[in-house]
Structures are given as structure tokens and as C-alpha cells.
Protein backbone atom coordinates (compact mmCIF):
# COMPACT_ATOMS: atom_id res chain seq x y z
CA UNK A 1 68.03 -35.68 3.31
CA UNK A 2 64.92 -37.84 2.29
CA UNK A 3 62.79 -36.21 -0.04
CA UNK A 4 60.03 -36.81 2.91
CA UNK A 5 61.55 -34.82 4.98
CA UNK A 6 60.81 -31.35 3.25
CA UNK A 7 57.76 -30.54 5.19
CA UNK A 8 56.29 -29.76 1.85
CA UNK A 9 56.78 -32.78 0.38
CA UNK A 10 55.23 -34.51 3.72
CA UNK A 11 52.29 -32.55 3.21
CA UNK A 12 52.05 -33.15 0.10
CA UNK A 13 51.92 -36.74 0.51
CA UNK A 14 50.02 -36.98 3.20
CA UNK A 15 47.28 -34.91 1.67
CA UNK A 16 46.86 -36.86 -1.30
CA UNK A 17 47.31 -40.97 0.25
CA UNK A 18 45.02 -39.85 2.81
CA UNK A 19 42.14 -37.90 0.76
CA UNK A 20 41.88 -41.84 0.01
CA UNK A 21 42.46 -43.83 2.75
CA UNK A 22 41.11 -41.72 5.59
CA UNK A 23 37.28 -42.64 4.22
CA UNK A 24 36.00 -44.11 7.65
CA UNK A 25 33.55 -41.71 9.43
CA UNK A 26 33.97 -38.92 7.04
CA UNK A 27 31.70 -36.05 6.75
CA UNK A 28 29.09 -36.50 3.47
CA UNK A 29 29.51 -32.90 1.29
CA UNK A 30 26.13 -31.38 -0.18
CA UNK A 31 27.54 -31.97 -4.10
CA UNK A 32 26.52 -35.54 -4.16
CA UNK A 33 27.91 -35.35 -7.97
CA UNK A 34 31.08 -35.58 -6.67
CA UNK A 35 30.28 -38.48 -4.51
CA UNK A 36 31.73 -41.87 -5.23
CA UNK A 37 29.81 -45.02 -3.69
CA UNK A 38 31.70 -47.31 -1.58
CA UNK A 39 29.94 -50.33 0.35
CA UNK A 40 29.55 -49.96 4.49
CA UNK A 41 32.05 -52.27 5.57
CA UNK A 42 35.90 -53.29 6.23
CA UNK A 43 38.34 -51.98 3.26
CA UNK A 44 41.90 -53.10 2.49
CA UNK A 45 43.91 -50.08 0.62
CA UNK A 46 47.33 -50.56 -1.04
CA UNK A 47 48.40 -47.22 -2.59
CA UNK A 48 51.76 -46.70 -3.92
CA UNK A 49 53.84 -43.51 -4.69
CA UNK A 50 56.56 -42.71 -7.22
CA UNK A 51 58.37 -39.10 -6.77
CA UNK A 52 61.33 -37.98 -9.07
CA UNK A 53 63.32 -37.53 -6.42
CA UNK A 54 62.70 -41.25 -4.82
CA UNK A 55 64.93 -43.98 -6.22
CA UNK A 56 62.49 -46.64 -5.34
CA UNK A 57 57.95 -46.73 -5.39
CA UNK A 58 57.05 -46.40 -1.81
CA UNK A 59 53.88 -49.38 -1.04
CA UNK A 60 51.50 -48.90 1.75
CA UNK A 61 49.04 -50.95 3.37
CA UNK A 62 46.03 -50.35 5.47
CA UNK A 63 42.90 -51.36 6.62
CA UNK A 64 39.50 -49.19 7.08
CA UNK A 65 36.10 -49.46 8.49
CA UNK A 66 34.11 -47.34 5.65
CA UNK A 67 30.80 -45.97 8.10
CA UNK A 68 29.28 -44.72 5.18
CA UNK A 69 28.53 -45.82 1.24
CA UNK A 70 29.00 -42.04 0.18
CA UNK A 71 32.47 -40.91 -0.36
CA UNK A 72 32.98 -36.87 -1.65
CA UNK A 73 37.15 -37.30 -1.94
CA UNK A 74 36.91 -33.71 -3.94
CA UNK A 75 35.46 -32.26 -0.33
CA UNK A 76 38.41 -34.00 1.46
CA UNK A 77 41.14 -32.89 -0.53
CA UNK A 78 40.28 -29.39 -0.59
CA UNK A 79 39.15 -29.43 3.49
CA UNK A 80 41.99 -27.39 4.45
CA UNK A 81 41.55 -24.16 1.63
CA UNK A 82 44.46 -24.57 0.13
CA UNK A 83 42.96 -26.35 -2.56
CA UNK A 84 40.60 -25.25 -5.65
CA UNK A 85 39.33 -27.90 -7.76
CA UNK A 86 40.28 -26.26 -11.41
CA UNK A 87 37.62 -28.58 -13.70
CA UNK A 88 35.63 -32.24 -12.13
CA UNK A 89 33.75 -34.34 -14.97
CA UNK A 90 32.14 -38.20 -14.08
CA UNK A 91 31.18 -40.70 -15.95
CA UNK A 92 28.85 -43.45 -14.08
CA UNK A 93 31.53 -43.95 -11.06
CA UNK A 94 34.36 -42.60 -12.21
CA UNK A 95 35.14 -39.09 -10.95
CA UNK A 96 38.09 -37.07 -12.34
CA UNK A 97 39.43 -33.71 -11.81
CA UNK A 98 42.29 -31.13 -12.40
CA UNK A 99 43.10 -29.15 -8.39
CA UNK A 100 45.59 -26.22 -7.69
CA UNK A 101 46.71 -25.44 -3.97
CA UNK A 102 48.21 -22.33 -3.93
CA UNK A 103 50.78 -23.06 -0.98
CA UNK A 104 50.81 -25.90 0.90
CA UNK A 105 52.02 -24.95 4.69
CA UNK A 106 53.76 -22.02 2.88
CA UNK A 107 55.05 -23.19 0.39
CA UNK A 108 54.71 -23.40 -3.57
CA UNK A 109 51.51 -24.01 -5.80
CA UNK A 110 50.91 -27.19 -6.53
CA UNK A 111 49.46 -28.64 -9.66
CA UNK A 112 47.10 -32.17 -10.31
CA UNK A 113 44.98 -34.07 -12.15
CA UNK A 114 43.48 -37.30 -10.76
CA UNK A 115 40.18 -40.06 -11.35
CA UNK A 116 38.85 -42.78 -8.88
CA UNK A 117 36.41 -45.08 -9.86
CA UNK A 118 34.44 -47.56 -7.36
CA UNK A 119 32.30 -50.82 -8.67
CA UNK A 120 31.24 -50.37 -4.80
CA UNK A 121 33.00 -52.89 -3.25
CA UNK A 122 36.84 -52.43 -5.17
CA UNK A 123 38.12 -48.91 -5.83
CA UNK A 124 40.52 -47.40 -7.83
CA UNK A 125 42.53 -44.37 -8.76
CA UNK A 126 45.40 -42.05 -9.42
CA UNK A 127 46.89 -38.66 -8.80
CA UNK A 128 49.84 -37.06 -10.56
CA UNK A 129 50.96 -33.78 -8.60
CA UNK A 130 53.12 -31.16 -10.05
CA UNK A 131 55.53 -28.61 -7.68
CA UNK A 132 58.35 -26.61 -8.74
CA UNK A 133 60.56 -26.70 -5.80
CA UNK A 134 63.30 -23.70 -5.78
CA UNK A 135 63.71 -24.13 -9.44
CA UNK A 136 63.42 -28.12 -9.31
CA UNK A 137 60.30 -29.52 -10.76
CA UNK A 138 59.14 -32.40 -8.48
CA UNK A 139 55.99 -34.99 -10.19
CA UNK A 140 54.15 -37.22 -7.47
CA UNK A 141 52.54 -39.71 -8.89
CA UNK A 142 49.94 -41.96 -6.51
CA UNK A 143 47.95 -45.08 -7.47
CA UNK A 144 45.55 -46.91 -5.05
CA UNK A 145 42.94 -49.97 -5.01
CA UNK A 146 40.80 -50.61 -2.70
CA UNK A 147 38.58 -53.84 -1.93
CA UNK A 148 35.98 -54.73 0.51
CA UNK A 149 36.89 -57.50 2.99
CA UNK A 150 33.43 -58.19 5.01
CA UNK A 151 32.02 -56.12 7.58
CA UNK A 152 34.18 -54.31 10.19
CA UNK A 153 35.35 -55.85 13.23
């Protein structure tokens, strides 16, 4: 059975990836300190996921039309209510965080840490999440990069 056939694992992977790829049209949080600056327009993204249960990394590519030049990744990750930011720090356009998700779709708690850096026309980041599934620790490492490609089509 594939790790991604488990509903908890699908939610964990999807929520981490969606937080960074579904940027177009996102609401802007009132916490400006957690916002990252992105150039409006078409962006190309590449995300690579490595899980202790998967034999090899999975890489995906997508394009998104960014409609707002400010993005709050922490607001996106905590939107569902199960995840809380435990620590956050910012230096320039680099945002770092630690989070705890209490109950992803009825599953066990998950802890994670990550960082995201923007230059305005490029963005990079990584997130490491850990979860204990019935006594088996699972680590999910996700890295991403994005680059401004021009006006939206």
C-alpha cells in the first residue's frame, strides 16, 4: 500500500504543498510580519517531497497566477484550525516557524518546522514534518522553489 493512500498522510502532504503552491488569490493576513513579498504575475513552482516510507523522492511542477504581492504562509497552514504556530522568526524576507498539528483528520499529532525566503521574483523553502503512526515515526521533507515567469496569461 502506498503511503499516500493513507488519508492522514495525504492530508499532511497536501496541506504542506498546498500552502505554498496555491498562492493565487489567497487572503492576506492581518499579521504583516508573517507576510512574504512576491511579484504579481505567473510563477513556476517545483516541489520535492521525501518521506521515510517512500522509496524515492517525488517531484511536482505547477504554474500559478499570483494576484497579490503579499503572501502569509503561516495563515495558510493554520487555516483549518488543527495546526498552531509554536514559534516564528523573521529576518528580512526569510520567515522561519515551528508548528504543531493536533489532529489531522482524526490522526496522530504532527510537528514540523520550516522556512521560506523570497527575493520578490523567486522563492525557496523547506519544511520538515514528523508524525508517529502507530509507533512508527515518519518524517516528511518538502523543499520548493519558485520563479516569476512574467505576466499572467
